[in-house]
């Protein structure tokens, strides 16, 4: 009987050995950068982008298909 030795693999460094982006279809975002304070959103059927920085403590409005979310400009005046 022959003994089967499983193959060995070298370690992979995600910062040194991997480049590019992980596509949306493979579970990644497919983007290399974004906006701090922004929200990732679908800008196309298979493309994800980052919205601009959103204002803290504001109501976020959906932009609709392919449009970045935004914040509500004003809550009106108090009475």
C-alpha atoms as a PDB file:
ATOM      1  CA  UNK A   1       0.000   0.000   0.000  1.00  0.00           C
ATOM      2  CA  UNK A   2       1.272   3.465  -0.853  1.00  0.00           C
ATOM      3  CA  UNK A   3       1.081   6.379   1.544  1.00  0.00           C
ATOM      4  CA  UNK A   4      -0.391   9.525  -0.002  1.00  0.00           C
ATOM      5  CA  UNK A   5       1.170  12.730   1.195  1.00  0.00           C
ATOM      6  CA  UNK A   6      -1.081  15.768   0.887  1.00  0.00           C
ATOM      7  CA  UNK A   7       0.422  18.785  -0.885  1.00  0.00           C
ATOM      8  CA  UNK A   8       1.683  21.707   1.128  1.00  0.00           C
ATOM      9  CA  UNK A   9       1.103  25.322   0.216  1.00  0.00           C
ATOM     10  CA  UNK A  10       3.011  28.446   1.141  1.00  0.00           C
ATOM     11  CA  UNK A  11       1.283  31.151   3.157  1.00  0.00           C
ATOM     12  CA  UNK A  12      -0.271  34.018   1.216  1.00  0.00           C
ATOM     13  CA  UNK A  13       0.048  37.587   2.453  1.00  0.00           C
ATOM     14  CA  UNK A  14      -3.057  39.559   1.508  1.00  0.00           C
ATOM     15  CA  UNK A  15      -1.103  42.820   1.551  1.00  0.00           C
ATOM     16  CA  UNK A  16       2.025  41.668  -0.298  1.00  0.00           C
ATOM     17  CA  UNK A  17       0.848  38.835  -2.571  1.00  0.00           C
ATOM     18  CA  UNK A  18      -2.645  39.877  -3.641  1.00  0.00           C
ATOM     19  CA  UNK A  19      -3.450  42.850  -5.851  1.00  0.00           C
ATOM     20  CA  UNK A  20      -6.552  44.256  -7.487  1.00  0.00           C
ATOM     21  CA  UNK A  21     -10.064  44.083  -6.115  1.00  0.00           C
ATOM     22  CA  UNK A  22     -12.446  41.267  -5.290  1.00  0.00           C
ATOM     23  CA  UNK A  23     -15.370  41.649  -7.650  1.00  0.00           C
ATOM     24  CA  UNK A  24     -18.986  41.958  -6.518  1.00  0.00           C
ATOM     25  CA  UNK A  25     -19.820  38.562  -8.034  1.00  0.00           C
ATOM     26  CA  UNK A  26     -17.172  36.971  -5.799  1.00  0.00           C
ATOM     27  CA  UNK A  27     -18.352  38.577  -2.576  1.00  0.00           C
ATOM     28  CA  UNK A  28     -16.222  41.729  -2.665  1.00  0.00           C
ATOM     29  CA  UNK A  29     -17.043  45.354  -3.276  1.00  0.00           C
ATOM     30  CA  UNK A  30     -14.997  45.735  -6.436  1.00  0.00           C
ATOM     31  CA  UNK A  31     -13.748  49.158  -5.297  1.00  0.00           C
ATOM     32  CA  UNK A  32     -10.305  50.214  -4.129  1.00  0.00           C
ATOM     33  CA  UNK A  33     -11.327  53.272  -2.137  1.00  0.00           C
ATOM     34  CA  UNK A  34     -14.333  55.001  -0.671  1.00  0.00           C
ATOM     35  CA  UNK A  35     -15.349  58.102   1.207  1.00  0.00           C
ATOM     36  CA  UNK A  36     -14.966  58.198   4.971  1.00  0.00           C
ATOM     37  CA  UNK A  37     -18.482  58.836   6.238  1.00  0.00           C
ATOM     38  CA  UNK A  38     -20.035  57.587   3.002  1.00  0.00           C
ATOM     39  CA  UNK A  39     -22.205  54.563   2.254  1.00  0.00           C
ATOM     40  CA  UNK A  40     -21.461  51.876  -0.353  1.00  0.00           C
ATOM     41  CA  UNK A  41     -24.306  51.668  -2.911  1.00  0.00           C
ATOM     42  CA  UNK A  42     -25.011  50.083  -6.297  1.00  0.00           C
ATOM     43  CA  UNK A  43     -24.255  52.684  -8.947  1.00  0.00           C
ATOM     44  CA  UNK A  44     -25.048  50.161 -11.704  1.00  0.00           C
ATOM     45  CA  UNK A  45     -26.335  46.607 -11.998  1.00  0.00           C
ATOM     46  CA  UNK A  46     -22.993  45.119 -10.934  1.00  0.00           C
ATOM     47  CA  UNK A  47     -20.974  48.130  -9.773  1.00  0.00           C
ATOM     48  CA  UNK A  48     -20.623  49.373  -6.216  1.00  0.00           C
ATOM     49  CA  UNK A  49     -19.450  52.912  -5.404  1.00  0.00           C
ATOM     50  CA  UNK A  50     -19.228  55.044  -2.271  1.00  0.00           C
ATOM     51  CA  UNK A  51     -21.482  58.016  -1.635  1.00  0.00           C
ATOM     52  CA  UNK A  52     -20.044  61.318  -0.554  1.00  0.00           C
ATOM     53  CA  UNK A  53     -19.599  61.997   3.145  1.00  0.00           C
ATOM     54  CA  UNK A  54     -22.949  62.154   4.896  1.00  0.00           C
ATOM     55  CA  UNK A  55     -23.741  64.700   7.607  1.00  0.00           C
ATOM     56  CA  UNK A  56     -23.890  63.310  11.153  1.00  0.00           C
ATOM     57  CA  UNK A  57     -27.275  62.982  12.855  1.00  0.00           C
ATOM     58  CA  UNK A  58     -29.329  63.514   9.698  1.00  0.00           C
ATOM     59  CA  UNK A  59     -32.012  61.418   8.035  1.00  0.00           C
ATOM     60  CA  UNK A  60     -30.595  59.475   5.063  1.00  0.00           C
ATOM     61  CA  UNK A  61     -32.667  59.397   1.870  1.00  0.00           C
ATOM     62  CA  UNK A  62     -32.258  56.690  -0.750  1.00  0.00           C
ATOM     63  CA  UNK A  63     -31.252  58.092  -4.111  1.00  0.00           C
ATOM     64  CA  UNK A  64     -33.140  55.542  -6.190  1.00  0.00           C
ATOM     65  CA  UNK A  65     -31.723  53.134  -8.744  1.00  0.00           C
ATOM     66  CA  UNK A  66     -28.065  53.940  -9.476  1.00  0.00           C
ATOM     67  CA  UNK A  67     -28.029  57.160  -7.428  1.00  0.00           C
ATOM     68  CA  UNK A  68     -26.065  57.761  -4.205  1.00  0.00           C
ATOM     69  CA  UNK A  69     -27.931  58.162  -0.905  1.00  0.00           C
ATOM     70  CA  UNK A  70     -28.049  61.710   0.486  1.00  0.00           C
ATOM     71  CA  UNK A  71     -29.097  63.385   3.715  1.00  0.00           C
ATOM     72  CA  UNK A  72     -32.271  65.383   4.215  1.00  0.00           C
ATOM     73  CA  UNK A  73     -31.321  69.041   3.787  1.00  0.00           C
ATOM     74  CA  UNK A  74     -33.403  70.370   6.671  1.00  0.00           C
ATOM     75  CA  UNK A  75     -35.888  69.113   9.215  1.00  0.00           C
ATOM     76  CA  UNK A  76     -37.751  72.407   8.940  1.00  0.00           C
ATOM     77  CA  UNK A  77     -38.242  74.999  11.669  1.00  0.00           C
ATOM     78  CA  UNK A  78     -39.382  74.470  15.220  1.00  0.00           C
ATOM     79  CA  UNK A  79     -42.626  76.015  16.387  1.00  0.00           C
END
